[in-house]
All heavy atoms as atom14 arrays in JSON, in Angstrom:
{
  "sequence": "HREAILLKYFHGMGYEEIQEIISVNYQTARNYIYHGVKTLKKEFRD",
  "atom14_mask": [
    [1, 1, 1, 1, 1, 1, 1, 1, 1, 1, 0, 0, 0, 0],
    [1, 1, 1, 1, 1, 1, 1, 1, 1, 1, 1, 0, 0, 0],
    [1, 1, 1, 1, 1, 1, 1, 1, 1, 0, 0, 0, 0, 0],
    [1, 1, 1, 1, 1, 0, 0, 0, 0, 0, 0, 0, 0, 0],
    [1, 1, 1, 1, 1, 1, 1, 1, 0, 0, 0, 0, 0, 0],
    [1, 1, 1, 1, 1, 1, 1, 1, 0, 0, 0, 0, 0, 0],
    [1, 1, 1, 1, 1, 1, 1, 1, 0, 0, 0, 0, 0, 0],
    [1, 1, 1, 1, 1, 1, 1, 1, 1, 0, 0, 0, 0, 0],
    [1, 1, 1, 1, 1, 1, 1, 1, 1, 1, 1, 1, 0, 0],
    [1, 1, 1, 1, 1, 1, 1, 1, 1, 1, 1, 0, 0, 0],
    [1, 1, 1, 1, 1, 1, 1, 1, 1, 1, 0, 0, 0, 0],
    [1, 1, 1, 1, 0, 0, 0, 0, 0, 0, 0, 0, 0, 0],
    [1, 1, 1, 1, 1, 1, 1, 1, 0, 0, 0, 0, 0, 0],
    [1, 1, 1, 1, 0, 0, 0, 0, 0, 0, 0, 0, 0, 0],
    [1, 1, 1, 1, 1, 1, 1, 1, 1, 1, 1, 1, 0, 0],
    [1, 1, 1, 1, 1, 1, 1, 1, 1, 0, 0, 0, 0, 0],
    [1, 1, 1, 1, 1, 1, 1, 1, 1, 0, 0, 0, 0, 0],
    [1, 1, 1, 1, 1, 1, 1, 1, 0, 0, 0, 0, 0, 0],
    [1, 1, 1, 1, 1, 1, 1, 1, 1, 0, 0, 0, 0, 0],
    [1, 1, 1, 1, 1, 1, 1, 1, 1, 0, 0, 0, 0, 0],
    [1, 1, 1, 1, 1, 1, 1, 1, 0, 0, 0, 0, 0, 0],
    [1, 1, 1, 1, 1, 1, 1, 1, 0, 0, 0, 0, 0, 0],
    [1, 1, 1, 1, 1, 1, 0, 0, 0, 0, 0, 0, 0, 0],
    [1, 1, 1, 1, 1, 1, 1, 0, 0, 0, 0, 0, 0, 0],
    [1, 1, 1, 1, 1, 1, 1, 1, 0, 0, 0, 0, 0, 0],
    [1, 1, 1, 1, 1, 1, 1, 1, 1, 1, 1, 1, 0, 0],
    [1, 1, 1, 1, 1, 1, 1, 1, 1, 0, 0, 0, 0, 0],
    [1, 1, 1, 1, 1, 1, 1, 0, 0, 0, 0, 0, 0, 0],
    [1, 1, 1, 1, 1, 0, 0, 0, 0, 0, 0, 0, 0, 0],
    [1, 1, 1, 1, 1, 1, 1, 1, 1, 1, 1, 0, 0, 0],
    [1, 1, 1, 1, 1, 1, 1, 1, 0, 0, 0, 0, 0, 0],
    [1, 1, 1, 1, 1, 1, 1, 1, 1, 1, 1, 1, 0, 0],
    [1, 1, 1, 1, 1, 1, 1, 1, 0, 0, 0, 0, 0, 0],
    [1, 1, 1, 1, 1, 1, 1, 1, 1, 1, 1, 1, 0, 0],
    [1, 1, 1, 1, 1, 1, 1, 1, 1, 1, 0, 0, 0, 0],
    [1, 1, 1, 1, 0, 0, 0, 0, 0, 0, 0, 0, 0, 0],
    [1, 1, 1, 1, 1, 1, 1, 0, 0, 0, 0, 0, 0, 0],
    [1, 1, 1, 1, 1, 1, 1, 1, 1, 0, 0, 0, 0, 0],
    [1, 1, 1, 1, 1, 1, 1, 0, 0, 0, 0, 0, 0, 0],
    [1, 1, 1, 1, 1, 1, 1, 1, 0, 0, 0, 0, 0, 0],
    [1, 1, 1, 1, 1, 1, 1, 1, 1, 0, 0, 0, 0, 0],
    [1, 1, 1, 1, 1, 1, 1, 1, 1, 0, 0, 0, 0, 0],
    [1, 1, 1, 1, 1, 1, 1, 1, 1, 0, 0, 0, 0, 0],
    [1, 1, 1, 1, 1, 1, 1, 1, 1, 1, 1, 0, 0, 0],
    [1, 1, 1, 1, 1, 1, 1, 1, 1, 1, 1, 0, 0, 0],
    [1, 1, 1, 1, 1, 1, 1, 1, 0, 0, 0, 0, 0, 0]
  ],
  "atom14_positions": [
    [[90.15, -141.82, -187.32], [90.63, -142.54, -186.13], [91.74, -143.52, -186.55], [92.78, -143.6, -185.89], [89.5, -143.31, -185.46], [88.44, -142.44, -184.88], [87.36, -142.95, -184.2], [88.29, -141.1, -184.86], [86.59, -141.97, -183.79], [87.14, -140.82, -184.18], [0.0, 0.0, 0.0], [0.0, 0.0, 0.0], [0.0, 0.0, 0.0], [0.0, 0.0, 0.0]],
    [[91.49, -144.24, -187.62], [92.47, -145.21, -188.12], [93.78, -144.51, -188.48], [94.87, -144.96, -188.1], [91.89, -145.95, -189.32], [92.76, -147.05, -189.85], [92.1, -147.89, -190.94], [91.53, -147.11, -192.02], [90.23, -146.98, -192.25], [89.35, -147.59, -191.49], [89.8, -146.25, -193.25], [0.0, 0.0, 0.0], [0.0, 0.0, 0.0], [0.0, 0.0, 0.0]],
    [[93.67, -143.41, -189.18], [94.86, -142.66, -189.59], [95.65, -142.17, -188.38], [96.87, -142.3, -188.32], [94.45, -141.47, -190.47], [95.6, -140.69, -191.02], [95.17, -139.56, -191.93], [93.96, -139.22, -191.97], [96.05, -139.01, -192.6], [0.0, 0.0, 0.0], [0.0, 0.0, 0.0], [0.0, 0.0, 0.0], [0.0, 0.0, 0.0], [0.0, 0.0, 0.0]],
    [[94.95, -141.61, -187.39], [95.62, -141.11, -186.18], [96.32, -142.24, -185.43], [97.46, -142.09, -184.96], [94.62, -140.41, -185.27], [0.0, 0.0, 0.0], [0.0, 0.0, 0.0], [0.0, 0.0, 0.0], [0.0, 0.0, 0.0], [0.0, 0.0, 0.0], [0.0, 0.0, 0.0], [0.0, 0.0, 0.0], [0.0, 0.0, 0.0], [0.0, 0.0, 0.0]],
    [[95.66, -143.39, -185.31], [96.26, -144.54, -184.62], [97.49, -145.04, -185.36], [98.52, -145.34, -184.74], [95.22, -145.65, -184.42], [94.22, -145.23, -183.34], [95.89, -146.97, -184.04], [93.04, -146.16, -183.19], [0.0, 0.0, 0.0], [0.0, 0.0, 0.0], [0.0, 0.0, 0.0], [0.0, 0.0, 0.0], [0.0, 0.0, 0.0], [0.0, 0.0, 0.0]],
    [[97.41, -145.13, -186.68], [98.56, -145.57, -187.46], [99.75, -144.63, -187.28], [100.89, -145.08, -187.1], [98.2, -145.67, -188.94], [97.28, -146.82, -189.32], [96.83, -146.7, -190.78], [97.96, -148.16, -189.09], [0.0, 0.0, 0.0], [0.0, 0.0, 0.0], [0.0, 0.0, 0.0], [0.0, 0.0, 0.0], [0.0, 0.0, 0.0], [0.0, 0.0, 0.0]],
    [[99.47, -143.34, -187.31], [100.56, -142.37, -187.13], [101.16, -142.46, -185.73], [102.39, -142.38, -185.57], [100.04, -140.95, -187.39], [99.66, -140.65, -188.84], [98.95, -139.3, -188.94], [100.87, -140.7, -189.75], [0.0, 0.0, 0.0], [0.0, 0.0, 0.0], [0.0, 0.0, 0.0], [0.0, 0.0, 0.0], [0.0, 0.0, 0.0], [0.0, 0.0, 0.0]],
    [[100.32, -142.63, -184.72], [100.78, -142.68, -183.33], [101.56, -143.96, -183.03], [102.68, -143.92, -182.52], [99.57, -142.55, -182.4], [99.88, -142.7, -180.93], [100.45, -141.46, -180.35], [100.57, -141.58, -178.85], [101.7, -140.81, -178.37], [0.0, 0.0, 0.0], [0.0, 0.0, 0.0], [0.0, 0.0, 0.0], [0.0, 0.0, 0.0], [0.0, 0.0, 0.0]],
    [[100.96, -145.1, -183.32], [101.53, -146.36, -182.86], [102.41, -147.08, -183.87], [103.28, -147.85, -183.48], [100.42, -147.29, -182.38], [99.73, -146.73, -181.16], [98.45, -146.2, -181.25], [100.37, -146.69, -179.93], [97.82, -145.67, -180.13], [99.76, -146.15, -178.81], [98.48, -145.64, -178.93], [97.88, -145.1, -177.82], [0.0, 0.0, 0.0], [0.0, 0.0, 0.0]],
    [[102.23, -146.84, -185.16], [103.03, -147.52, -186.16], [104.16, -146.63, -186.69], [105.14, -147.15, -187.2], [102.16, -148.04, -187.3], [101.27, -149.16, -186.87], [100.0, -148.91, -186.36], [101.69, -150.48, -186.95], [99.17, -149.93, -185.95], [100.87, -151.52, -186.53], [99.61, -151.25, -186.03], [0.0, 0.0, 0.0], [0.0, 0.0, 0.0], [0.0, 0.0, 0.0]],
    [[103.98, -145.31, -186.58], [105.01, -144.39, -187.04], [105.66, -143.61, -185.9], [106.56, -142.81, -186.13], [104.44, -143.43, -188.09], [103.99, -144.13, -189.33], [104.85, -144.58, -190.3], [102.75, -144.48, -189.76], [104.18, -145.18, -191.26], [102.89, -145.13, -190.95], [0.0, 0.0, 0.0], [0.0, 0.0, 0.0], [0.0, 0.0, 0.0], [0.0, 0.0, 0.0]],
    [[105.18, -143.83, -184.68], [105.79, -143.23, -183.49], [105.66, -141.72, -183.39], [106.48, -141.08, -182.73], [0.0, 0.0, 0.0], [0.0, 0.0, 0.0], [0.0, 0.0, 0.0], [0.0, 0.0, 0.0], [0.0, 0.0, 0.0], [0.0, 0.0, 0.0], [0.0, 0.0, 0.0], [0.0, 0.0, 0.0], [0.0, 0.0, 0.0], [0.0, 0.0, 0.0]],
    [[104.67, -141.16, -184.0], [104.52, -139.7, -183.98], [103.79, -139.24, -182.72], [103.0, -139.97, -182.15], [103.73, -139.23, -185.2], [104.45, -139.46, -186.48], [103.51, -138.8, -187.86], [104.6, -139.26, -189.2], [0.0, 0.0, 0.0], [0.0, 0.0, 0.0], [0.0, 0.0, 0.0], [0.0, 0.0, 0.0], [0.0, 0.0, 0.0], [0.0, 0.0, 0.0]],
    [[104.07, -138.01, -182.34], [103.39, -137.4, -181.2], [102.13, -136.7, -181.65], [101.86, -136.53, -182.85], [0.0, 0.0, 0.0], [0.0, 0.0, 0.0], [0.0, 0.0, 0.0], [0.0, 0.0, 0.0], [0.0, 0.0, 0.0], [0.0, 0.0, 0.0], [0.0, 0.0, 0.0], [0.0, 0.0, 0.0], [0.0, 0.0, 0.0], [0.0, 0.0, 0.0]],
    [[101.34, -136.27, -180.67], [100.07, -135.62, -180.97], [100.26, -134.34, -181.79], [99.44, -134.03, -182.65], [99.31, -135.3, -179.69], [98.9, -136.54, -178.93], [99.47, -136.85, -177.7], [97.93, -137.4, -179.44], [99.1, -137.99, -177.0], [97.55, -138.54, -178.75], [98.14, -138.83, -177.54], [97.77, -139.96, -176.86], [0.0, 0.0, 0.0], [0.0, 0.0, 0.0]],
    [[101.34, -133.61, -181.53], [101.6, -132.38, -182.26], [101.81, -132.66, -183.75], [101.28, -131.96, -184.61], [102.82, -131.63, -181.7], [102.61, -131.12, -180.3], [102.93, -132.17, -179.22], [103.4, -133.28, -179.56], [102.68, -131.88, -178.05], [0.0, 0.0, 0.0], [0.0, 0.0, 0.0], [0.0, 0.0, 0.0], [0.0, 0.0, 0.0], [0.0, 0.0, 0.0]],
    [[102.58, -133.71, -184.05], [102.82, -134.08, -185.44], [101.53, -134.56, -186.11], [101.24, -134.21, -187.25], [103.87, -135.19, -185.52], [105.26, -134.75, -185.08], [106.2, -135.92, -184.96], [105.96, -136.79, -184.09], [107.17, -135.96, -185.74], [0.0, 0.0, 0.0], [0.0, 0.0, 0.0], [0.0, 0.0, 0.0], [0.0, 0.0, 0.0], [0.0, 0.0, 0.0]],
    [[100.77, -135.35, -185.37], [99.52, -135.89, -185.91], [98.54, -134.77, -186.23], [97.92, -134.77, -187.28], [98.9, -136.91, -184.92], [99.82, -138.13, -184.8], [97.5, -137.31, -185.36], [99.48, -139.06, -183.65], [0.0, 0.0, 0.0], [0.0, 0.0, 0.0], [0.0, 0.0, 0.0], [0.0, 0.0, 0.0], [0.0, 0.0, 0.0], [0.0, 0.0, 0.0]],
    [[98.44, -133.81, -185.33], [97.5, -132.7, -185.57], [97.86, -131.95, -186.84], [96.99, -131.52, -187.58], [97.41, -131.77, -184.37], [98.55, -130.78, -184.25], [98.38, -129.79, -183.12], [97.91, -130.12, -182.06], [98.75, -128.56, -183.39], [0.0, 0.0, 0.0], [0.0, 0.0, 0.0], [0.0, 0.0, 0.0], [0.0, 0.0, 0.0], [0.0, 0.0, 0.0]],
    [[99.14, -131.79, -187.1], [99.56, -131.08, -188.3], [99.27, -131.89, -189.56], [98.79, -131.36, -190.56], [101.05, -130.75, -188.23], [101.38, -129.69, -187.21], [102.86, -129.41, -187.1], [103.61, -129.75, -188.05], [103.28, -128.86, -186.07], [0.0, 0.0, 0.0], [0.0, 0.0, 0.0], [0.0, 0.0, 0.0], [0.0, 0.0, 0.0], [0.0, 0.0, 0.0]],
    [[99.54, -133.18, -189.51], [99.36, -134.03, -190.68], [97.9, -134.17, -191.07], [97.55, -134.11, -192.26], [100.0, -135.42, -190.45], [101.52, -135.28, -190.41], [99.58, -136.42, -191.52], [102.26, -136.51, -189.98], [0.0, 0.0, 0.0], [0.0, 0.0, 0.0], [0.0, 0.0, 0.0], [0.0, 0.0, 0.0], [0.0, 0.0, 0.0], [0.0, 0.0, 0.0]],
    [[97.02, -134.37, -190.08], [95.62, -134.57, -190.42], [94.77, -133.3, -190.27], [93.56, -133.35, -190.39], [94.99, -135.77, -189.66], [95.01, -135.56, -188.15], [95.68, -137.06, -190.02], [94.31, -136.68, -187.38], [0.0, 0.0, 0.0], [0.0, 0.0, 0.0], [0.0, 0.0, 0.0], [0.0, 0.0, 0.0], [0.0, 0.0, 0.0], [0.0, 0.0, 0.0]],
    [[95.44, -132.2, -190.03], [94.81, -130.87, -190.0], [93.65, -130.76, -189.01], [92.52, -130.39, -189.37], [94.33, -130.47, -191.4], [95.4, -130.45, -192.29], [0.0, 0.0, 0.0], [0.0, 0.0, 0.0], [0.0, 0.0, 0.0], [0.0, 0.0, 0.0], [0.0, 0.0, 0.0], [0.0, 0.0, 0.0], [0.0, 0.0, 0.0], [0.0, 0.0, 0.0]],
    [[93.94, -131.12, -187.76], [92.98, -130.95, -186.67], [93.71, -130.33, -185.49], [94.94, -130.24, -185.49], [92.35, -132.31, -186.24], [91.54, -132.91, -187.37], [93.4, -133.29, -185.74], [0.0, 0.0, 0.0], [0.0, 0.0, 0.0], [0.0, 0.0, 0.0], [0.0, 0.0, 0.0], [0.0, 0.0, 0.0], [0.0, 0.0, 0.0], [0.0, 0.0, 0.0]],
    [[92.96, -129.9, -184.48], [93.65, -129.35, -183.32], [94.17, -130.48, -182.42], [93.83, -131.66, -182.61], [92.77, -128.34, -182.56], [91.58, -128.99, -181.88], [91.67, -130.07, -181.32], [90.45, -128.32, -181.93], [0.0, 0.0, 0.0], [0.0, 0.0, 0.0], [0.0, 0.0, 0.0], [0.0, 0.0, 0.0], [0.0, 0.0, 0.0], [0.0, 0.0, 0.0]],
    [[94.98, -130.12, -181.46], [95.64, -131.09, -180.58], [94.64, -132.0, -179.88], [94.8, -133.22, -179.87], [96.48, -130.33, -179.55], [97.23, -131.18, -178.58], [98.49, -131.66, -178.89], [96.69, -131.51, -177.34], [99.2, -132.45, -177.99], [97.38, -132.3, -176.44], [98.63, -132.76, -176.78], [99.32, -133.55, -175.9], [0.0, 0.0, 0.0], [0.0, 0.0, 0.0]],
    [[93.6, -131.43, -179.3], [92.62, -132.23, -178.54], [91.86, -133.19, -179.46], [91.56, -134.32, -179.07], [91.65, -131.33, -177.78], [90.75, -132.1, -176.83], [91.53, -132.89, -175.78], [92.44, -132.36, -175.13], [91.21, -134.16, -175.61], [0.0, 0.0, 0.0], [0.0, 0.0, 0.0], [0.0, 0.0, 0.0], [0.0, 0.0, 0.0], [0.0, 0.0, 0.0]],
    [[91.57, -132.77, -180.66], [90.88, -133.65, -181.59], [91.76, -134.84, -181.95], [91.27, -135.98, -182.02], [90.46, -132.88, -182.86], [89.59, -131.81, -182.48], [89.76, -133.77, -183.86], [0.0, 0.0, 0.0], [0.0, 0.0, 0.0], [0.0, 0.0, 0.0], [0.0, 0.0, 0.0], [0.0, 0.0, 0.0], [0.0, 0.0, 0.0], [0.0, 0.0, 0.0]],
    [[93.05, -134.61, -182.15], [93.98, -135.72, -182.42], [93.96, -136.71, -181.25], [93.9, -137.93, -181.45], [95.39, -135.19, -182.66], [0.0, 0.0, 0.0], [0.0, 0.0, 0.0], [0.0, 0.0, 0.0], [0.0, 0.0, 0.0], [0.0, 0.0, 0.0], [0.0, 0.0, 0.0], [0.0, 0.0, 0.0], [0.0, 0.0, 0.0], [0.0, 0.0, 0.0]],
    [[94.0, -136.21, -180.04], [93.94, -137.07, -178.85], [92.62, -137.84, -178.8], [92.6, -139.03, -178.49], [94.14, -136.26, -177.58], [95.55, -135.72, -177.41], [95.72, -134.99, -176.08], [95.38, -135.85, -174.96], [96.27, -136.57, -174.24], [97.54, -136.52, -174.56], [95.87, -137.3, -173.24], [0.0, 0.0, 0.0], [0.0, 0.0, 0.0], [0.0, 0.0, 0.0]],
    [[91.53, -137.15, -179.1], [90.22, -137.8, -179.07], [90.11, -138.91, -180.12], [89.56, -139.97, -179.84], [89.1, -136.77, -179.31], [88.93, -135.83, -178.15], [89.43, -136.06, -177.05], [88.23, -134.74, -178.39], [0.0, 0.0, 0.0], [0.0, 0.0, 0.0], [0.0, 0.0, 0.0], [0.0, 0.0, 0.0], [0.0, 0.0, 0.0], [0.0, 0.0, 0.0]],
    [[90.61, -138.67, -181.32], [90.59, -139.7, -182.36], [91.3, -140.96, -181.87], [90.8, -142.07, -182.05], [91.27, -139.21, -183.63], [90.48, -138.25, -184.47], [91.1, -137.5, -185.45], [89.1, -138.1, -184.33], [90.4, -136.63, -186.26], [88.39, -137.22, -185.12], [89.04, -136.48, -186.09], [88.34, -135.62, -186.87], [0.0, 0.0, 0.0], [0.0, 0.0, 0.0]],
    [[92.46, -140.78, -181.27], [93.23, -141.94, -180.8], [92.53, -142.61, -179.63], [92.39, -143.83, -179.6], [94.67, -141.51, -180.45], [95.4, -141.11, -181.74], [95.4, -142.63, -179.72], [96.69, -140.39, -181.54], [0.0, 0.0, 0.0], [0.0, 0.0, 0.0], [0.0, 0.0, 0.0], [0.0, 0.0, 0.0], [0.0, 0.0, 0.0], [0.0, 0.0, 0.0]],
    [[92.05, -141.82, -178.7], [91.36, -142.39, -177.53], [90.15, -143.23, -177.97], [90.0, -144.38, -177.56], [90.9, -141.27, -176.59], [89.99, -141.76, -175.5], [90.52, -142.39, -174.37], [88.61, -141.62, -175.6], [89.68, -142.87, -173.37], [87.77, -142.09, -174.61], [88.31, -142.71, -173.49], [87.48, -143.2, -172.51], [0.0, 0.0, 0.0], [0.0, 0.0, 0.0]],
    [[89.29, -142.66, -178.79], [88.08, -143.37, -179.21], [88.4, -144.56, -180.11], [87.75, -145.6, -180.02], [87.1, -142.41, -179.89], [86.51, -141.43, -178.93], [85.64, -141.8, -177.93], [86.67, -140.1, -178.81], [85.29, -140.72, -177.23], [85.91, -139.68, -177.75], [0.0, 0.0, 0.0], [0.0, 0.0, 0.0], [0.0, 0.0, 0.0], [0.0, 0.0, 0.0]],
    [[89.42, -144.41, -180.94], [89.83, -145.52, -181.8], [90.35, -146.7, -180.99], [89.96, -147.85, -181.23], [0.0, 0.0, 0.0], [0.0, 0.0, 0.0], [0.0, 0.0, 0.0], [0.0, 0.0, 0.0], [0.0, 0.0, 0.0], [0.0, 0.0, 0.0], [0.0, 0.0, 0.0], [0.0, 0.0, 0.0], [0.0, 0.0, 0.0], [0.0, 0.0, 0.0]],
    [[91.2, -146.43, -180.02], [91.74, -147.49, -179.17], [90.63, -148.12, -178.33], [90.57, -149.34, -178.18], [92.89, -146.96, -178.28], [93.27, -147.97, -177.21], [94.09, -146.61, -179.13], [0.0, 0.0, 0.0], [0.0, 0.0, 0.0], [0.0, 0.0, 0.0], [0.0, 0.0, 0.0], [0.0, 0.0, 0.0], [0.0, 0.0, 0.0], [0.0, 0.0, 0.0]],
    [[89.74, -147.3, -177.83], [88.61, -147.8, -177.04], [87.76, -148.76, -177.88], [87.38, -149.84, -177.42], [87.77, -146.63, -176.55], [86.62, -147.01, -175.65], [85.9, -145.76, -175.17], [84.66, -146.11, -174.38], [83.94, -144.93, -173.94], [0.0, 0.0, 0.0], [0.0, 0.0, 0.0], [0.0, 0.0, 0.0], [0.0, 0.0, 0.0], [0.0, 0.0, 0.0]],
    [[87.49, -148.39, -179.12], [86.71, -149.24, -180.02], [87.45, -150.54, -180.31], [86.85, -151.62, -180.3], [86.41, -148.49, -181.33], [85.68, -147.3, -181.03], [85.64, -149.36, -182.3], [0.0, 0.0, 0.0], [0.0, 0.0, 0.0], [0.0, 0.0, 0.0], [0.0, 0.0, 0.0], [0.0, 0.0, 0.0], [0.0, 0.0, 0.0], [0.0, 0.0, 0.0]],
    [[88.75, -150.46, -180.57], [89.53, -151.66, -180.85], [89.56, -152.61, -179.65], [89.43, -153.83, -179.81], [90.96, -151.29, -181.24], [91.12, -150.64, -182.6], [92.57, -150.17, -182.78], [90.71, -151.59, -183.71], [0.0, 0.0, 0.0], [0.0, 0.0, 0.0], [0.0, 0.0, 0.0], [0.0, 0.0, 0.0], [0.0, 0.0, 0.0], [0.0, 0.0, 0.0]],
    [[89.71, -152.07, -178.45], [89.7, -152.9, -177.25], [88.37, -153.62, -177.09], [88.34, -154.82, -176.79], [89.96, -152.06, -176.0], [91.38, -151.66, -175.8], [91.5, -150.86, -174.51], [92.89, -150.45, -174.21], [92.99, -149.68, -172.95], [0.0, 0.0, 0.0], [0.0, 0.0, 0.0], [0.0, 0.0, 0.0], [0.0, 0.0, 0.0], [0.0, 0.0, 0.0]],
    [[87.28, -152.89, -177.29], [85.96, -153.5, -177.16], [85.77, -154.59, -178.2], [85.3, -155.68, -177.89], [84.86, -152.45, -177.3], [83.46, -153.03, -177.12], [82.4, -152.0, -177.4], [81.0, -152.52, -177.24], [80.73, -153.81, -177.82], [0.0, 0.0, 0.0], [0.0, 0.0, 0.0], [0.0, 0.0, 0.0], [0.0, 0.0, 0.0], [0.0, 0.0, 0.0]],
    [[86.15, -154.33, -179.42], [86.0, -155.32, -180.49], [86.85, -156.56, -180.2], [86.39, -157.68, -180.38], [86.41, -154.69, -181.83], [86.17, -155.56, -183.02], [84.71, -155.83, -183.29], [83.85, -154.98, -182.95], [84.4, -156.91, -183.84], [0.0, 0.0, 0.0], [0.0, 0.0, 0.0], [0.0, 0.0, 0.0], [0.0, 0.0, 0.0], [0.0, 0.0, 0.0]],
    [[88.06, -156.35, -179.74], [88.94, -157.47, -179.41], [88.34, -158.29, -178.26], [88.3, -159.51, -178.32], [90.33, -156.96, -179.02], [91.28, -158.06, -178.66], [91.85, -158.85, -179.64], [91.58, -158.3, -177.33], [92.72, -159.86, -179.3], [92.44, -159.32, -176.98], [93.02, -160.11, -177.97], [0.0, 0.0, 0.0], [0.0, 0.0, 0.0], [0.0, 0.0, 0.0]],
    [[87.85, -157.61, -177.25], [87.25, -158.27, -176.09], [86.03, -159.08, -176.52], [85.87, -160.23, -176.14], [86.89, -157.22, -175.04], [86.72, -157.74, -173.66], [86.55, -156.64, -172.59], [86.04, -155.36, -173.04], [86.76, -154.23, -173.06], [88.0, -154.22, -172.64], [86.22, -153.1, -173.47], [0.0, 0.0, 0.0], [0.0, 0.0, 0.0], [0.0, 0.0, 0.0]],
    [[85.17, -158.49, -177.34], [83.97, -159.17, -177.81], [84.32, -160.39, -178.65], [83.73, -161.46, -178.48], [83.09, -158.23, -178.63], [82.45, -157.13, -177.79], [82.52, -157.2, -176.54], [81.92, -156.18, -178.39], [0.0, 0.0, 0.0], [0.0, 0.0, 0.0], [0.0, 0.0, 0.0], [0.0, 0.0, 0.0], [0.0, 0.0, 0.0], [0.0, 0.0, 0.0]]
  ]
}
């Protein structure tokens, strides 16, 4: 999740690039980012 978020938001990569780099399918890359951001929001809020 951390790796996907770093690639998306700090390196500006799209889901297609992320899926290739971390060797997962497109939906899994989206899920990693979604769940990672959700966790970060909750932690920040708490």
